[in-house]
Amino acid sequence: MKKALLGISAIVALTSLPATSYAQFAFNVGAVSDYRFRGISQTRVKPAVQGGVDFGAGGLYLGLWASNIKWIKDLGGDAGTEIDLYGGYKGELSPGLGYDVGVLTYQYPSNKLSPSANTTEIYGALTFGPATLKYSHALTDTFGNPDSKNSYYLDLNATFDFDGILLTPHVGYQKIKGPFSGPGSYTDYSLTVARDFSGVVVSAAIVGTDADKSFYASPVNGKELGKTGVVLGVKYNF
């Protein structure tokens, strides 16, 4: 929670800065039919309500995002909310070649799991044209997996604009270090179609993984959390 409080303090401090032409806030709120994180359902294949706030000044950015979840309570913990705090810097290495570096902490208040579900990652990304390659590296145990520090996630995304309809293919690989490296590591993939209607973004995605069916299964009802499925979403940006 110290990391979460530090992140919140940083955001609050920035809100006291005078408004300038290069500093801005953006807010979003939305809902999805299933909250998938790296292909794995966080809500037992149930809907989620989500929202966040972002601050940007030049290349600097800070943000906070939250969603309801079910997986921690399913594992015997006591957290029904995920709060993400992140910050970083983005710019250009050369014309057309962008970069993005930062840190992101996933906080599950009072999760009561051992090891804790709270996870902090540093990341770096390169963008060229429509494609972005990103590497995320865990500085802590990873989402409650024991001895899983230095786990990583590598993903490749691209966004294509067809007259206002955005098509986003994605593939990623989650490596879990430690005793559960075998069943915990997997590849995920998705294809998302989205359209922005004056700030209201409607999306539909096909999401799937090759994750171990027993390792990534709900202990409550046995549902396969990484199975291929369709996720519908709506988000309002303001």
C-alpha atoms as a PDB file:
ATOM      1  CA  MET A   1       0.000   0.000   0.000  1.00  0.00           C
ATOM      2  CA  LYS A   2       2.977   2.357   0.470  1.00  0.00           C
ATOM      3  CA  LYS A   3       3.579   2.288  -3.282  1.00  0.00           C
ATOM      4  CA  ALA A   4      -0.088   2.993  -3.918  1.00  0.00           C
ATOM      5  CA  LEU A   5      -0.085   5.940  -1.509  1.00  0.00           C
ATOM      6  CA  LEU A   6       3.081   7.355  -3.066  1.00  0.00           C
ATOM      7  CA  GLY A   7       1.512   7.120  -6.517  1.00  0.00           C
ATOM      8  CA  ILE A   8      -1.676   8.828  -5.352  1.00  0.00           C
ATOM      9  CA  SER A   9       0.360  11.554  -3.640  1.00  0.00           C
ATOM     10  CA  ALA A  10       2.232  12.200  -6.879  1.00  0.00           C
ATOM     11  CA  ILE A  11      -1.003  12.557  -8.829  1.00  0.00           C
ATOM     12  CA  VAL A  12      -2.497  14.864  -6.192  1.00  0.00           C
ATOM     13  CA  ALA A  13       0.647  17.012  -6.237  1.00  0.00           C
ATOM     14  CA  LEU A  14       0.420  17.393  -9.999  1.00  0.00           C
ATOM     15  CA  THR A  15      -3.192  18.483  -9.777  1.00  0.00           C
ATOM     16  CA  SER A  16      -2.002  21.594  -7.939  1.00  0.00           C
ATOM     17  CA  LEU A  17       0.127  22.691 -10.901  1.00  0.00           C
ATOM     18  CA  PRO A  18      -1.221  25.681 -12.838  1.00  0.00           C
ATOM     19  CA  ALA A  19      -3.034  24.806 -16.056  1.00  0.00           C
ATOM     20  CA  THR A  20      -0.892  25.259 -19.154  1.00  0.00           C
ATOM     21  CA  SER A  21      -1.241  24.551 -22.816  1.00  0.00           C
ATOM     22  CA  TYR A  22       0.833  21.383 -22.483  1.00  0.00           C
ATOM     23  CA  ALA A  23      -0.731  19.910 -19.327  1.00  0.00           C
ATOM     24  CA  GLN A  24      -4.053  18.125 -19.481  1.00  0.00           C
ATOM     25  CA  PHE A  25      -6.252  15.616 -17.717  1.00  0.00           C
ATOM     26  CA  ALA A  26      -8.321  12.887 -19.336  1.00  0.00           C
ATOM     27  CA  PHE A  27     -10.961  10.718 -17.682  1.00  0.00           C
ATOM     28  CA  ASN A  28     -12.649   7.487 -18.728  1.00  0.00           C
ATOM     29  CA  VAL A  29     -15.369   5.217 -17.402  1.00  0.00           C
ATOM     30  CA  GLY A  30     -16.758   2.050 -18.936  1.00  0.00           C
ATOM     31  CA  ALA A  31     -17.853  -1.545 -18.665  1.00  0.00           C
ATOM     32  CA  VAL A  32     -16.858  -4.867 -20.242  1.00  0.00           C
ATOM     33  CA  SER A  33     -18.619  -8.208 -20.472  1.00  0.00           C
ATOM     34  CA  ASP A  34     -15.472  -9.888 -19.065  1.00  0.00           C
ATOM     35  CA  TYR A  35     -12.323  -8.267 -17.685  1.00  0.00           C
ATOM     36  CA  ARG A  36      -9.441 -10.017 -19.445  1.00  0.00           C
ATOM     37  CA  PHE A  37      -5.897  -9.177 -18.352  1.00  0.00           C
ATOM     38  CA  ARG A  38      -3.255 -10.704 -20.599  1.00  0.00           C
ATOM     39  CA  GLY A  39      -5.932 -13.059 -21.836  1.00  0.00           C
ATOM     40  CA  ILE A  40      -6.974 -14.346 -18.383  1.00  0.00           C
ATOM     41  CA  SER A  41     -10.388 -13.471 -16.932  1.00  0.00           C
ATOM     42  CA  GLN A  42     -10.118 -11.475 -13.709  1.00  0.00           C
ATOM     43  CA  THR A  43     -13.857 -11.632 -13.050  1.00  0.00           C
ATOM     44  CA  ARG A  44     -14.670 -15.334 -13.462  1.00  0.00           C
ATOM     45  CA  VAL A  45     -15.962 -14.579 -17.010  1.00  0.00           C
ATOM     46  CA  LYS A  46     -18.355 -11.981 -15.574  1.00  0.00           C
ATOM     47  CA  PRO A  47     -18.823  -8.245 -16.366  1.00  0.00           C
ATOM     48  CA  ALA A  48     -16.716  -5.476 -14.847  1.00  0.00           C
ATOM     49  CA  VAL A  49     -17.082  -1.722 -14.330  1.00  0.00           C
ATOM     50  CA  GLN A  50     -13.892   0.265 -14.865  1.00  0.00           C
ATOM     51  CA  GLY A  51     -12.601   3.811 -14.878  1.00  0.00           C
ATOM     52  CA  GLY A  52      -9.501   5.941 -14.717  1.00  0.00           C
ATOM     53  CA  VAL A  53      -7.810   9.317 -14.880  1.00  0.00           C
ATOM     54  CA  ASP A  54      -4.673  10.325 -16.788  1.00  0.00           C
ATOM     55  CA  PHE A  55      -2.454  13.385 -16.533  1.00  0.00           C
ATOM     56  CA  GLY A  56      -0.045  14.412 -19.253  1.00  0.00           C
ATOM     57  CA  ALA A  57       2.496  17.237 -19.508  1.00  0.00           C
ATOM     58  CA  GLY A  58       4.836  17.136 -22.482  1.00  0.00           C
ATOM     59  CA  GLY A  59       6.145  13.576 -22.562  1.00  0.00           C
ATOM     60  CA  LEU A  60       5.441  12.957 -18.876  1.00  0.00           C
ATOM     61  CA  TYR A  61       2.320  11.066 -17.864  1.00  0.00           C
ATOM     62  CA  LEU A  62       0.728   9.708 -14.688  1.00  0.00           C
ATOM     63  CA  GLY A  63      -2.447   7.684 -14.315  1.00  0.00           C
ATOM     64  CA  LEU A  64      -4.778   5.752 -12.075  1.00  0.00           C
ATOM     65  CA  TRP A  65      -7.194   3.043 -13.223  1.00  0.00           C
ATOM     66  CA  ALA A  66      -9.520   0.699 -11.310  1.00  0.00           C
ATOM     67  CA  SER A  67     -11.787  -2.289 -11.921  1.00  0.00           C
ATOM     68  CA  ASN A  68     -13.775  -4.796  -9.917  1.00  0.00           C
ATOM     69  CA  ILE A  69     -12.314  -8.320  -9.841  1.00  0.00           C
ATOM     70  CA  LYS A  70     -13.192 -11.775  -8.472  1.00  0.00           C
ATOM     71  CA  TRP A  71     -10.042 -13.890  -8.657  1.00  0.00           C
ATOM     72  CA  ILE A  72      -8.519 -12.915  -5.315  1.00  0.00           C
ATOM     73  CA  LYS A  73     -11.639 -13.775  -3.331  1.00  0.00           C
ATOM     74  CA  ASP A  74     -11.879 -17.001  -5.332  1.00  0.00           C
ATOM     75  CA  LEU A  75      -8.393 -17.886  -4.028  1.00  0.00           C
ATOM     76  CA  GLY A  76      -9.392 -17.169  -0.425  1.00  0.00           C
ATOM     77  CA  GLY A  77      -8.227 -13.553  -0.256  1.00  0.00           C
ATOM     78  CA  ASP A  78     -10.273 -10.475   0.493  1.00  0.00           C
ATOM     79  CA  ALA A  79      -9.924  -7.958  -2.350  1.00  0.00           C
ATOM     80  CA  GLY A  80     -12.675  -7.155  -4.805  1.00  0.00           C
ATOM     81  CA  THR A  81     -10.924  -4.229  -6.493  1.00  0.00           C
ATOM     82  CA  GLU A  82      -7.808  -3.732  -8.593  1.00  0.00           C
ATOM     83  CA  ILE A  83      -6.164  -0.296  -8.563  1.00  0.00           C
ATOM     84  CA  ASP A  84      -3.396   0.427 -11.066  1.00  0.00           C
ATOM     85  CA  LEU A  85      -1.010   3.360 -10.616  1.00  0.00           C
ATOM     86  CA  TYR A  86       1.453   4.184 -13.369  1.00  0.00           C
ATOM     87  CA  GLY A  87       3.762   6.849 -14.643  1.00  0.00           C
ATOM     88  CA  GLY A  88       6.344   7.278 -17.330  1.00  0.00           C
ATOM     89  CA  TYR A  89       7.741   9.278 -20.178  1.00  0.00           C
ATOM     90  CA  LYS A  90       7.216   8.954 -23.912  1.00  0.00           C
ATOM     91  CA  GLY A  91       8.873  10.620 -26.865  1.00  0.00           C
ATOM     92  CA  GLU A  92      10.592  10.024 -30.210  1.00  0.00           C
ATOM     93  CA  LEU A  93      13.985   8.488 -30.871  1.00  0.00           C
ATOM     94  CA  SER A  94      13.735   9.549 -34.504  1.00  0.00           C
ATOM     95  CA  PRO A  95      10.915  10.592 -36.839  1.00  0.00           C
ATOM     96  CA  GLY A  96       8.329   7.802 -36.802  1.00  0.00           C
ATOM     97  CA  LEU A  97      10.056   5.811 -34.037  1.00  0.00           C
ATOM     98  CA  GLY A  98       8.548   6.415 -30.613  1.00  0.00           C
ATOM     99  CA  TYR A  99       9.456   5.124 -27.172  1.00  0.00           C
ATOM    100  CA  ASP A 100       7.656   4.782 -23.852  1.00  0.00           C
ATOM    101  CA  VAL A 101       9.262   3.877 -20.505  1.00  0.00           C
ATOM    102  CA  GLY A 102       7.658   3.738 -17.092  1.00  0.00           C
ATOM    103  CA  VAL A 103       6.561   1.883 -13.988  1.00  0.00           C
ATOM    104  CA  LEU A 104       3.194   0.357 -13.151  1.00  0.00           C
ATOM    105  CA  THR A 105       1.993  -1.059  -9.846  1.00  0.00           C
ATOM    106  CA  TYR A 106      -1.075  -3.294  -9.561  1.00  0.00           C
ATOM    107  CA  GLN A 107      -2.597  -2.905  -6.088  1.00  0.00           C
ATOM    108  CA  TYR A 108      -5.232  -5.159  -4.529  1.00  0.00           C
ATOM    109  CA  PRO A 109      -6.047  -3.479  -1.200  1.00  0.00           C
ATOM    110  CA  SER A 110      -6.121  -5.878   1.768  1.00  0.00           C
ATOM    111  CA  ASN A 111      -5.797  -8.886  -0.561  1.00  0.00           C
ATOM    112  CA  LYS A 112      -4.479 -11.073   2.309  1.00  0.00           C
ATOM    113  CA  LEU A 113      -2.793 -13.506  -0.074  1.00  0.00           C
ATOM    114  CA  SER A 114       0.684 -14.864   0.689  1.00  0.00           C
ATOM    115  CA  PRO A 115       2.705 -13.944  -1.215  1.00  0.00           C
ATOM    116  CA  SER A 116       0.814 -10.719  -1.824  1.00  0.00           C
ATOM    117  CA  ALA A 117      -1.019 -10.240  -5.101  1.00  0.00           C
ATOM    118  CA  ASN A 118       0.361  -6.684  -5.324  1.00  0.00           C
ATOM    119  CA  THR A 119       2.753  -6.508  -8.279  1.00  0.00           C
ATOM    120  CA  THR A 120       5.072  -3.789  -9.606  1.00  0.00           C
ATOM    121  CA  GLU A 121       6.544  -3.785 -13.108  1.00  0.00           C
ATOM    122  CA  ILE A 122       8.825  -1.548 -15.099  1.00  0.00           C
ATOM    123  CA  TYR A 123       8.271  -1.408 -18.840  1.00  0.00           C
ATOM    124  CA  GLY A 124       9.673  -0.159 -22.086  1.00  0.00           C
ATOM    125  CA  ALA A 125       8.025   0.056 -25.501  1.00  0.00           C
ATOM    126  CA  LEU A 126       8.957   0.994 -29.054  1.00  0.00           C
ATOM    127  CA  THR A 127       6.388   2.158 -31.612  1.00  0.00           C
ATOM    128  CA  PHE A 128       6.972   2.255 -35.350  1.00  0.00           C
ATOM    129  CA  GLY A 129       4.068   3.033 -37.652  1.00  0.00           C
ATOM    130  CA  PRO A 130       1.005   1.125 -36.424  1.00  0.00           C
ATOM    131  CA  ALA A 131       2.995  -1.429 -34.371  1.00  0.00           C
ATOM    132  CA  THR A 132       4.132  -1.356 -30.729  1.00  0.00           C
ATOM    133  CA  LEU A 133       6.484  -3.849 -29.078  1.00  0.00           C
ATOM    134  CA  LYS A 134       6.471  -3.715 -25.263  1.00  0.00           C
ATOM    135  CA  TYR A 135       8.416  -5.501 -22.528  1.00  0.00           C
ATOM    136  CA  SER A 136       7.238  -5.500 -18.886  1.00  0.00           C
ATOM    137  CA  HIS A 137       9.482  -6.808 -16.084  1.00  0.00           C
ATOM    138  CA  ALA A 138       8.288  -7.656 -12.577  1.00  0.00           C
ATOM    139  CA  LEU A 139      10.253  -6.186  -9.658  1.00  0.00           C
ATOM    140  CA  THR A 140       8.187  -8.185  -7.170  1.00  0.00           C
ATOM    141  CA  ASP A 141       6.479 -11.553  -6.926  1.00  0.00           C
ATOM    142  CA  THR A 142       3.948 -11.664  -9.751  1.00  0.00           C
ATOM    143  CA  PHE A 143       0.227 -11.685  -8.933  1.00  0.00           C
ATOM    144  CA  GLY A 144       0.573 -13.968  -5.926  1.00  0.00           C
ATOM    145  CA  ASN A 145       2.855 -16.573  -7.529  1.00  0.00           C
ATOM    146  CA  PRO A 146       5.628 -17.547  -5.056  1.00  0.00           C
ATOM    147  CA  ASP A 147       9.257 -16.750  -5.896  1.00  0.00           C
ATOM    148  CA  SER A 148       8.165 -15.193  -9.180  1.00  0.00           C
ATOM    149  CA  LYS A 149      10.187 -11.972  -9.096  1.00  0.00           C
ATOM    150  CA  ASN A 150      11.698 -11.176 -12.531  1.00  0.00           C
ATOM    151  CA  SER A 151       8.744 -12.656 -14.400  1.00  0.00           C
ATOM    152  CA  TYR A 152       8.054 -10.787 -17.620  1.00  0.00           C
ATOM    153  CA  TYR A 153       5.470 -10.082 -20.295  1.00  0.00           C
ATOM    154  CA  LEU A 154       6.336  -9.404 -23.936  1.00  0.00           C
ATOM    155  CA  ASP A 155       3.626  -8.255 -26.314  1.00  0.00           C
ATOM    156  CA  LEU A 156       3.193  -6.972 -29.828  1.00  0.00           C
ATOM    157  CA  ASN A 157       0.207  -4.836 -30.871  1.00  0.00           C
ATOM    158  CA  ALA A 158      -0.796  -2.954 -33.985  1.00  0.00           C
ATOM    159  CA  THR A 159      -3.638  -0.517 -34.649  1.00  0.00           C
ATOM    160  CA  PHE A 160      -5.098   0.020 -38.113  1.00  0.00           C
ATOM    161  CA  ASP A 161      -7.627   2.745 -38.858  1.00  0.00           C
ATOM    162  CA  PHE A 162     -10.195   1.904 -41.517  1.00  0.00           C
ATOM    163  CA  ASP A 163     -12.205   5.120 -41.905  1.00  0.00           C
ATOM    164  CA  GLY A 164     -12.800   5.439 -38.162  1.00  0.00           C
ATOM    165  CA  ILE A 165     -13.022   1.719 -37.408  1.00  0.00           C
ATOM    166  CA  LEU A 166      -9.972   0.604 -35.439  1.00  0.00           C
ATOM    167  CA  LEU A 167      -8.679  -2.934 -35.859  1.00  0.00           C
ATOM    168  CA  THR A 168      -6.139  -4.037 -33.232  1.00  0.00           C
ATOM    169  CA  PRO A 169      -4.433  -7.448 -33.398  1.00  0.00           C
ATOM    170  CA  HIS A 170      -2.387  -8.506 -30.375  1.00  0.00           C
ATOM    171  CA  VAL A 171      -0.135 -11.352 -29.268  1.00  0.00           C
ATOM    172  CA  GLY A 172       1.704 -11.649 -25.965  1.00  0.00           C
ATOM    173  CA  TYR A 173       3.751 -14.058 -23.888  1.00  0.00           C
ATOM    174  CA  GLN A 174       3.579 -14.173 -20.076  1.00  0.00           C
ATOM    175  CA  LYS A 175       6.579 -15.835 -18.410  1.00  0.00           C
ATOM    176  CA  ILE A 176       6.115 -16.739 -14.757  1.00  0.00           C
ATOM    177  CA  LYS A 177       9.344 -17.474 -12.900  1.00  0.00           C
ATOM    178  CA  GLY A 178       9.593 -19.811  -9.923  1.00  0.00           C
ATOM    179  CA  PRO A 179       7.981 -23.151  -9.055  1.00  0.00           C
ATOM    180  CA  PHE A 180       4.903 -22.518 -11.220  1.00  0.00           C
ATOM    181  CA  SER A 181       6.854 -21.519 -14.325  1.00  0.00           C
ATOM    182  CA  GLY A 182       5.527 -24.474 -16.335  1.00  0.00           C
ATOM    183  CA  PRO A 183       1.759 -24.191 -15.812  1.00  0.00           C
ATOM    184  CA  GLY A 184       1.875 -20.437 -15.156  1.00  0.00           C
ATOM    185  CA  SER A 185       3.521 -19.357 -18.419  1.00  0.00           C
ATOM    186  CA  TYR A 186       1.415 -18.990 -21.566  1.00  0.00           C
ATOM    187  CA  THR A 187       0.725 -17.105 -24.804  1.00  0.00           C
ATOM    188  CA  ASP A 188      -2.330 -14.915 -25.293  1.00  0.00           C
ATOM    189  CA  TYR A 189      -3.843 -13.348 -28.401  1.00  0.00           C
ATOM    190  CA  SER A 190      -6.717 -11.104 -29.349  1.00  0.00           C
ATOM    191  CA  LEU A 191      -8.308  -9.182 -32.179  1.00  0.00           C
ATOM    192  CA  THR A 192     -10.295  -6.062 -31.273  1.00  0.00           C
ATOM    193  CA  VAL A 193     -12.612  -3.923 -33.390  1.00  0.00           C
ATOM    194  CA  ALA A 194     -13.572  -0.508 -31.984  1.00  0.00           C
ATOM    195  CA  ARG A 195     -15.377   2.656 -33.054  1.00  0.00           C
ATOM    196  CA  ASP A 196     -15.418   6.052 -31.355  1.00  0.00           C
ATOM    197  CA  PHE A 197     -18.807   7.771 -31.379  1.00  0.00           C
ATOM    198  CA  SER A 198     -17.992  11.287 -30.128  1.00  0.00           C
ATOM    199  CA  GLY A 199     -16.175  10.056 -27.036  1.00  0.00           C
ATOM    200  CA  VAL A 200     -18.132   6.831 -26.570  1.00  0.00           C
ATOM    201  CA  VAL A 201     -15.947   3.932 -27.689  1.00  0.00           C
ATOM    202  CA  VAL A 202     -17.718   0.665 -28.477  1.00  0.00           C
ATOM    203  CA  SER A 203     -15.580  -2.437 -28.908  1.00  0.00           C
ATOM    204  CA  ALA A 204     -15.724  -6.174 -29.518  1.00  0.00           C
ATOM    205  CA  ALA A 205     -12.781  -8.524 -29.120  1.00  0.00           C
ATOM    206  CA  ILE A 206     -11.978 -12.173 -29.645  1.00  0.00           C
ATOM    207  CA  VAL A 207      -9.599 -13.154 -26.834  1.00  0.00           C
ATOM    208  CA  GLY A 208      -7.841 -16.445 -26.216  1.00  0.00           C
ATOM    209  CA  THR A 209      -4.786 -18.158 -24.700  1.00  0.00           C
ATOM    210  CA  ASP A 210      -2.955 -21.473 -24.616  1.00  0.00           C
ATOM    211  CA  ALA A 211      -2.869 -21.261 -20.798  1.00  0.00           C
ATOM    212  CA  ASP A 212      -2.927 -24.426 -18.705  1.00  0.00           C
ATOM    213  CA  LYS A 213      -6.619 -25.225 -18.257  1.00  0.00           C
ATOM    214  CA  SER A 214      -6.297 -26.508 -14.704  1.00  0.00           C
ATOM    215  CA  PHE A 215      -3.863 -23.856 -13.437  1.00  0.00           C
ATOM    216  CA  TYR A 216      -5.987 -21.003 -14.810  1.00  0.00           C
ATOM    217  CA  ALA A 217      -9.381 -22.305 -13.704  1.00  0.00           C
ATOM    218  CA  SER A 218     -11.805 -20.778 -11.214  1.00  0.00           C
ATOM    219  CA  PRO A 219     -11.709 -22.680  -7.911  1.00  0.00           C
ATOM    220  CA  VAL A 220     -15.342 -21.642  -7.401  1.00  0.00           C
ATOM    221  CA  ASN A 221     -16.999 -23.133 -10.470  1.00  0.00           C
ATOM    222  CA  GLY A 222     -14.126 -24.652 -12.474  1.00  0.00           C
ATOM    223  CA  LYS A 223     -14.520 -22.226 -15.389  1.00  0.00           C
ATOM    224  CA  GLU A 224     -11.516 -22.035 -17.689  1.00  0.00           C
ATOM    225  CA  LEU A 225     -10.326 -18.436 -17.275  1.00  0.00           C
ATOM    226  CA  GLY A 226      -8.134 -18.372 -20.375  1.00  0.00           C
ATOM    227  CA  LYS A 227     -10.564 -19.930 -22.833  1.00  0.00           C
ATOM    228  CA  THR A 228     -11.303 -18.277 -26.158  1.00  0.00           C
ATOM    229  CA  GLY A 229     -14.252 -15.915 -25.922  1.00  0.00           C
ATOM    230  CA  VAL A 230     -15.815 -12.666 -27.101  1.00  0.00           C
ATOM    231  CA  VAL A 231     -15.502  -9.574 -24.913  1.00  0.00           C
ATOM    232  CA  LEU A 232     -17.804  -6.614 -25.495  1.00  0.00           C
ATOM    233  CA  GLY A 233     -17.026  -3.195 -24.117  1.00  0.00           C
ATOM    234  CA  VAL A 234     -18.154   0.417 -23.960  1.00  0.00           C
ATOM    235  CA  LYS A 235     -16.073   3.315 -22.640  1.00  0.00           C
ATOM    236  CA  TYR A 236     -16.681   7.045 -22.371  1.00  0.00           C
ATOM    237  CA  ASN A 237     -13.656   9.325 -22.655  1.00  0.00           C
ATOM    238  CA  PHE A 238     -13.987  12.879 -21.346  1.00  0.00           C
END
